[in-house]
Amino acid sequence: MATNNQVLKGEDVLFIKRTNLIRDYQSETAGFKGKKYRVFAFGDKAFAVHEDDGFEKDLADGNVAEVMITINEEGQWSLANYVTWSKKINQKKHAMEFESITVENFKPSSVS
């Protein structure tokens, strides 16, 4: 079964809507027995998020920068992963620090 990934970012993330639909997992595998998930919507598509996932809080706090959605052959969406603004900012800071490390910065300078 082939799947495709789609990444929602920028203004698209603002259109993800938390719905009032909360459902019980039907499957008893992988520790889902007795657990629930909430349905989120993006336009006319919907995807489920596990009740223990931090996505709902991060979305409410405005801390979701990008969302990766997996789309199966039937066109059904599921949340694959997401990136918070906190992680994205930290990555950028670390990349800038790394890029600032150059040979020139470590050359000894003369003392007069």
C-alpha atoms as a PDB file:
ATOM      1  CA  MET A   1       0.000   0.000   0.000  1.00  0.00           C
ATOM      2  CA  ALA A   2       1.588   3.248  -1.143  1.00  0.00           C
ATOM      3  CA  THR A   3       1.356   6.427   0.865  1.00  0.00           C
ATOM      4  CA  ASN A   4       2.293  10.024   0.194  1.00  0.00           C
ATOM      5  CA  ASN A   5       3.308  12.746   2.606  1.00  0.00           C
ATOM      6  CA  GLN A   6       2.146  16.328   2.497  1.00  0.00           C
ATOM      7  CA  VAL A   7       3.642  19.065   4.665  1.00  0.00           C
ATOM      8  CA  LEU A   8       1.429  21.894   5.848  1.00  0.00           C
ATOM      9  CA  LYS A   9       3.386  25.001   6.819  1.00  0.00           C
ATOM     10  CA  GLY A  10       3.139  28.746   6.979  1.00  0.00           C
ATOM     11  CA  GLU A  11      -0.401  30.063   6.694  1.00  0.00           C
ATOM     12  CA  ASP A  12      -1.750  26.530   6.033  1.00  0.00           C
ATOM     13  CA  VAL A  13      -1.163  25.606   9.685  1.00  0.00           C
ATOM     14  CA  LEU A  14      -3.541  28.397  10.706  1.00  0.00           C
ATOM     15  CA  PHE A  15      -6.366  26.582   8.896  1.00  0.00           C
ATOM     16  CA  ILE A  16      -6.086  23.402  10.976  1.00  0.00           C
ATOM     17  CA  LYS A  17      -9.206  23.226  13.100  1.00  0.00           C
ATOM     18  CA  ARG A  18      -9.741  21.307  16.323  1.00  0.00           C
ATOM     19  CA  THR A  19     -13.152  19.636  16.070  1.00  0.00           C
ATOM     20  CA  ASN A  20     -15.374  18.418  18.902  1.00  0.00           C
ATOM     21  CA  LEU A  21     -15.168  14.818  17.645  1.00  0.00           C
ATOM     22  CA  ILE A  22     -13.500  12.548  20.191  1.00  0.00           C
ATOM     23  CA  ARG A  23     -13.613   8.823  19.490  1.00  0.00           C
ATOM     24  CA  ASP A  24     -12.515   5.590  21.104  1.00  0.00           C
ATOM     25  CA  TYR A  25      -9.933   3.479  19.334  1.00  0.00           C
ATOM     26  CA  GLN A  26     -11.495   0.357  17.855  1.00  0.00           C
ATOM     27  CA  SER A  27      -8.172  -1.475  17.820  1.00  0.00           C
ATOM     28  CA  GLU A  28      -6.787  -3.108  20.932  1.00  0.00           C
ATOM     29  CA  THR A  29      -3.310  -3.387  19.451  1.00  0.00           C
ATOM     30  CA  ALA A  30      -0.297  -1.220  20.181  1.00  0.00           C
ATOM     31  CA  GLY A  31      -1.611  -0.088  23.575  1.00  0.00           C
ATOM     32  CA  PHE A  32      -4.667   1.754  22.236  1.00  0.00           C
ATOM     33  CA  LYS A  33      -7.229  -0.167  24.309  1.00  0.00           C
ATOM     34  CA  GLY A  34      -9.257   2.309  26.349  1.00  0.00           C
ATOM     35  CA  LYS A  35      -7.630   5.302  24.640  1.00  0.00           C
ATOM     36  CA  LYS A  36      -9.240   8.056  22.610  1.00  0.00           C
ATOM     37  CA  TYR A  37      -8.332  10.341  19.737  1.00  0.00           C
ATOM     38  CA  ARG A  38      -9.544  13.760  18.613  1.00  0.00           C
ATOM     39  CA  VAL A  39     -10.324  14.611  15.011  1.00  0.00           C
ATOM     40  CA  PHE A  40      -8.773  17.725  13.461  1.00  0.00           C
ATOM     41  CA  ALA A  41      -9.808  19.203  10.124  1.00  0.00           C
ATOM     42  CA  PHE A  42      -8.022  20.967   7.285  1.00  0.00           C
ATOM     43  CA  GLY A  43     -10.517  22.106   4.686  1.00  0.00           C
ATOM     44  CA  ASP A  44     -12.582  19.066   3.726  1.00  0.00           C
ATOM     45  CA  LYS A  45      -9.978  16.605   5.056  1.00  0.00           C
ATOM     46  CA  ALA A  46      -9.708  15.227   8.585  1.00  0.00           C
ATOM     47  CA  PHE A  47      -7.036  13.474  10.627  1.00  0.00           C
ATOM     48  CA  ALA A  48      -6.902  11.904  14.067  1.00  0.00           C
ATOM     49  CA  VAL A  49      -4.559  12.812  16.903  1.00  0.00           C
ATOM     50  CA  HIS A  50      -3.966  10.481  19.859  1.00  0.00           C
ATOM     51  CA  GLU A  51      -5.158  11.853  23.208  1.00  0.00           C
ATOM     52  CA  ASP A  52      -1.650  11.634  24.713  1.00  0.00           C
ATOM     53  CA  ASP A  53      -0.011  13.561  21.865  1.00  0.00           C
ATOM     54  CA  GLY A  54       1.131  17.149  22.524  1.00  0.00           C
ATOM     55  CA  PHE A  55      -0.202  18.367  19.160  1.00  0.00           C
ATOM     56  CA  GLU A  56      -3.490  19.720  20.504  1.00  0.00           C
ATOM     57  CA  LYS A  57      -1.793  21.886  23.153  1.00  0.00           C
ATOM     58  CA  ASP A  58       0.931  23.051  20.775  1.00  0.00           C
ATOM     59  CA  LEU A  59      -1.692  24.006  18.185  1.00  0.00           C
ATOM     60  CA  ALA A  60      -3.754  25.917  20.773  1.00  0.00           C
ATOM     61  CA  ASP A  61      -0.591  27.720  21.960  1.00  0.00           C
ATOM     62  CA  GLY A  62       0.364  28.723  18.406  1.00  0.00           C
ATOM     63  CA  ASN A  63       3.511  26.603  18.634  1.00  0.00           C
ATOM     64  CA  VAL A  64       2.980  24.464  15.486  1.00  0.00           C
ATOM     65  CA  ALA A  65       5.230  25.495  12.584  1.00  0.00           C
ATOM     66  CA  GLU A  66       4.810  22.523  10.223  1.00  0.00           C
ATOM     67  CA  VAL A  67       2.635  19.413  10.072  1.00  0.00           C
ATOM     68  CA  MET A  68       3.426  16.257   8.107  1.00  0.00           C
ATOM     69  CA  ILE A  69       0.343  14.405   6.931  1.00  0.00           C
ATOM     70  CA  THR A  70       0.427  10.881   5.510  1.00  0.00           C
ATOM     71  CA  ILE A  71      -2.145  10.222   2.801  1.00  0.00           C
ATOM     72  CA  ASN A  72      -2.918   6.587   1.955  1.00  0.00           C
ATOM     73  CA  GLU A  73      -4.185   5.208  -1.361  1.00  0.00           C
ATOM     74  CA  GLU A  74      -7.796   5.737  -0.281  1.00  0.00           C
ATOM     75  CA  GLY A  75      -7.068   9.419   0.362  1.00  0.00           C
ATOM     76  CA  GLN A  76      -7.344   9.105   4.147  1.00  0.00           C
ATOM     77  CA  TRP A  77      -5.188  11.504   6.142  1.00  0.00           C
ATOM     78  CA  SER A  78      -3.254  10.788   9.321  1.00  0.00           C
ATOM     79  CA  LEU A  79      -0.870  12.895  11.383  1.00  0.00           C
ATOM     80  CA  ALA A  80       2.650  11.605  10.767  1.00  0.00           C
ATOM     81  CA  ASN A  81       4.554  14.245  12.748  1.00  0.00           C
ATOM     82  CA  TYR A  82       4.844  17.951  13.374  1.00  0.00           C
ATOM     83  CA  VAL A  83       7.507  20.553  14.134  1.00  0.00           C
ATOM     84  CA  THR A  84       7.053  23.151  16.848  1.00  0.00           C
ATOM     85  CA  TRP A  85       8.274  26.723  16.528  1.00  0.00           C
ATOM     86  CA  SER A  86      10.453  26.058  19.592  1.00  0.00           C
ATOM     87  CA  LYS A  87      12.286  23.230  17.805  1.00  0.00           C
ATOM     88  CA  LYS A  88      12.544  25.192  14.562  1.00  0.00           C
ATOM     89  CA  ILE A  89      14.003  28.260  16.301  1.00  0.00           C
ATOM     90  CA  ASN A  90      16.492  26.134  18.252  1.00  0.00           C
ATOM     91  CA  GLN A  91      17.577  24.381  15.071  1.00  0.00           C
ATOM     92  CA  LYS A  92      18.160  27.747  13.370  1.00  0.00           C
ATOM     93  CA  LYS A  93      20.175  29.027  16.374  1.00  0.00           C
ATOM     94  CA  HIS A  94      22.351  25.906  16.352  1.00  0.00           C
ATOM     95  CA  ALA A  95      22.848  26.130  12.587  1.00  0.00           C
ATOM     96  CA  MET A  96      23.934  29.778  12.910  1.00  0.00           C
ATOM     97  CA  GLU A  97      26.359  28.862  15.717  1.00  0.00           C
ATOM     98  CA  PHE A  98      27.758  26.034  13.612  1.00  0.00           C
ATOM     99  CA  GLU A  99      28.162  28.253  10.543  1.00  0.00           C
ATOM    100  CA  SER A 100      30.005  30.849  12.628  1.00  0.00           C
ATOM    101  CA  ILE A 101      32.709  28.326  13.486  1.00  0.00           C
ATOM    102  CA  THR A 102      35.419  28.917  10.909  1.00  0.00           C
ATOM    103  CA  VAL A 103      39.145  28.364  10.698  1.00  0.00           C
ATOM    104  CA  GLU A 104      39.633  32.129  10.811  1.00  0.00           C
ATOM    105  CA  ASN A 105      37.990  32.280  14.222  1.00  0.00           C
ATOM    106  CA  PHE A 106      40.625  29.889  15.594  1.00  0.00           C
ATOM    107  CA  LYS A 107      43.747  31.472  14.098  1.00  0.00           C
ATOM    108  CA  PRO A 108      46.007  32.896  16.767  1.00  0.00           C
ATOM    109  CA  SER A 109      46.154  36.649  16.765  1.00  0.00           C
ATOM    110  CA  SER A 110      49.306  38.583  17.490  1.00  0.00           C
ATOM    111  CA  VAL A 111      49.652  40.392  20.763  1.00  0.00           C
ATOM    112  CA  SER A 112      51.224  43.823  20.538  1.00  0.00           C
END
